[in-house]
C-alpha atoms as a PDB file:
ATOM      1  CA  MET A   1       1.402  10.038  -0.120  1.00  0.00           C
ATOM      2  CA  ARG A   2       2.930  10.910  -3.404  1.00  0.00           C
ATOM      3  CA  SER A   3       5.888  12.632  -1.753  1.00  0.00           C
ATOM      4  CA  ARG A   4       6.614   9.542   0.348  1.00  0.00           C
ATOM      5  CA  LEU A   5       5.764   6.731  -2.064  1.00  0.00           C
ATOM      6  CA  GLY A   6       6.182   8.405  -5.430  1.00  0.00           C
ATOM      7  CA  PRO A   7       3.606   8.181  -8.224  1.00  0.00           C
ATOM      8  CA  PRO A   8       3.840   4.370  -8.623  1.00  0.00           C
ATOM      9  CA  GLY A   9       2.998   3.846  -4.954  1.00  0.00           C
ATOM     10  CA  ALA A  10       0.544   6.704  -4.544  1.00  0.00           C
ATOM     11  CA  HIS A  11      -1.930   5.488  -7.165  1.00  0.00           C
ATOM     12  CA  PRO A  12      -2.594   2.075  -5.578  1.00  0.00           C
ATOM     13  CA  ALA A  13      -2.645   3.634  -2.097  1.00  0.00           C
ATOM     14  CA  THR A  14      -5.289   6.146  -3.166  1.00  0.00           C
ATOM     15  CA  ALA A  15      -7.316   3.426  -4.904  1.00  0.00           C
ATOM     16  CA  HIS A  16      -7.139   1.288  -1.763  1.00  0.00           C
ATOM     17  CA  LYS A  17      -8.257   4.192   0.419  1.00  0.00           C
ATOM     18  CA  LEU A  18     -11.256   4.882  -1.829  1.00  0.00           C
ATOM     19  CA  ALA A  19     -12.161   1.175  -2.059  1.00  0.00           C
ATOM     20  CA  THR A  20     -12.039   0.844   1.731  1.00  0.00           C
ATOM     21  CA  LEU A  21     -14.226   3.917   2.163  1.00  0.00           C
ATOM     22  CA  ILE A  22     -16.788   2.757  -0.381  1.00  0.00           C
ATOM     23  CA  SER A  23     -16.953  -0.796   1.007  1.00  0.00           C
ATOM     24  CA  HIS A  24     -17.498   0.572   4.511  1.00  0.00           C
ATOM     25  CA  LEU A  25     -20.276   2.878   3.308  1.00  0.00           C
ATOM     26  CA  LEU A  26     -21.982   0.027   1.446  1.00  0.00           C
ATOM     27  CA  LYS A  27     -21.550  -2.510   4.244  1.00  0.00           C
ATOM     28  CA  TYR A  28     -22.943  -0.314   7.004  1.00  0.00           C
ATOM     29  CA  LYS A  29     -25.318   1.678   4.762  1.00  0.00           C
ATOM     30  CA  GLU A  30     -24.045   4.983   6.114  1.00  0.00           C
ATOM     31  CA  GLU A  31     -23.890   8.305   4.363  1.00  0.00           C
ATOM     32  CA  SER A  32     -20.557   9.922   3.738  1.00  0.00           C
ATOM     33  CA  MET A  33     -19.832  12.782   6.132  1.00  0.00           C
ATOM     34  CA  ASP A  34     -18.038  15.802   4.721  1.00  0.00           C
ATOM     35  CA  VAL A  35     -15.297  16.851   7.115  1.00  0.00           C
ATOM     36  CA  ASP A  36     -14.771  20.575   7.412  1.00  0.00           C
ATOM     37  CA  ARG A  37     -11.284  21.283   6.155  1.00  0.00           C
ATOM     38  CA  VAL A  38     -10.479  23.899   8.774  1.00  0.00           C
ATOM     39  CA  LEU A  39     -11.447  21.572  11.626  1.00  0.00           C
ATOM     40  CA  TYR A  40      -9.423  18.770  10.066  1.00  0.00           C
ATOM     41  CA  GLU A  41      -6.337  20.975   9.695  1.00  0.00           C
ATOM     42  CA  GLU A  42      -6.633  22.167  13.312  1.00  0.00           C
ATOM     43  CA  LYS A  43      -6.895  18.579  14.507  1.00  0.00           C
ATOM     44  CA  MET A  44      -3.862  17.521  12.465  1.00  0.00           C
ATOM     45  CA  ARG A  45      -1.887  20.535  13.707  1.00  0.00           C
ATOM     46  CA  GLY A  46      -2.670  19.561  17.287  1.00  0.00           C
ATOM     47  CA  LYS A  47      -1.521  15.999  16.655  1.00  0.00           C
ATOM     48  CA  ARG A  48       1.684  17.231  15.030  1.00  0.00           C
ATOM     49  CA  LEU A  49       2.402  19.514  17.982  1.00  0.00           C
ATOM     50  CA  ALA A  50       1.759  16.724  20.475  1.00  0.00           C
ATOM     51  CA  ARG A  51       4.088  14.391  18.576  1.00  0.00           C
ATOM     52  CA  LEU A  52       6.747  17.081  18.320  1.00  0.00           C
ATOM     53  CA  ARG A  53       6.501  17.866  22.047  1.00  0.00           C
ATOM     54  CA  LYS A  54       6.842  14.184  22.888  1.00  0.00           C
ATOM     55  CA  GLN A  55       9.898  13.815  20.650  1.00  0.00           C
ATOM     56  CA  ALA A  56      11.469  16.938  22.129  1.00  0.00           C
ATOM     57  CA  GLU A  57      10.863  15.664  25.649  1.00  0.00           C
ATOM     58  CA  GLU A  58      12.435  12.299  24.808  1.00  0.00           C
ATOM     59  CA  LEU A  59      15.513  14.128  23.551  1.00  0.00           C
ATOM     60  CA  GLY A  60      15.670  16.368  26.613  1.00  0.00           C
ATOM     61  CA  PHE A  61      14.337  19.554  25.041  1.00  0.00           C
ATOM     62  CA  GLU A  62      11.376  21.763  25.849  1.00  0.00           C
ATOM     63  CA  LEU A  63       9.248  23.430  23.192  1.00  0.00           C
ATOM     64  CA  VAL A  64       8.250  27.021  23.806  1.00  0.00           C
ATOM     65  CA  GLN A  65       5.603  28.617  21.626  1.00  0.00           C
ATOM     66  CA  LYS A  66       6.829  31.738  19.899  1.00  0.00           C
ATOM     67  CA  THR A  67       4.567  34.774  20.130  1.00  0.00           C
ATOM     68  CA  GLN A  68       3.781  36.581  16.905  1.00  0.00           C
ATOM     69  CA  THR A  69       3.958  40.318  16.606  1.00  0.00           C
ATOM     70  CA  ALA A  70       1.173  42.125  14.786  1.00  0.00           C
ATOM     71  CA  SER A  71       3.438  42.955  11.840  1.00  0.00           C
ATOM     72  CA  GLN A  72       4.519  39.309  11.468  1.00  0.00           C
ATOM     73  CA  ALA A  73       0.896  38.180  11.496  1.00  0.00           C
ATOM     74  CA  ALA A  74      -0.044  40.798   8.903  1.00  0.00           C
ATOM     75  CA  CYS A  75       2.827  39.747   6.642  1.00  0.00           C
ATOM     76  CA  TRP A  76       1.812  36.108   6.974  1.00  0.00           C
ATOM     77  CA  LEU A  77      -1.807  36.878   6.150  1.00  0.00           C
ATOM     78  CA  LEU A  78      -0.854  38.979   3.140  1.00  0.00           C
ATOM     79  CA  GLY A  79       1.526  36.300   1.896  1.00  0.00           C
ATOM     80  CA  SER A  80       4.657  38.459   1.953  1.00  0.00           C
ATOM     81  CA  PHE A  81       7.282  36.852   4.088  1.00  0.00           C
END
């Protein structure tokens, strides 16, 4: 949020998000569920890909997934691009 709204907008947005979460937990007397970060990132990646495919289709393009070679994958894992 900070990149979109800047610090003056990010602080109230974060406070609002936390207040909403807390009020929901208190209202419905539920426990907070810890979302696994890896699962969350996979879900968000899938949503991003779906949105990108839809935009490409609307513009008349087709997305093709690029295959990684073993050396590219190793470089990515080691952090040396």
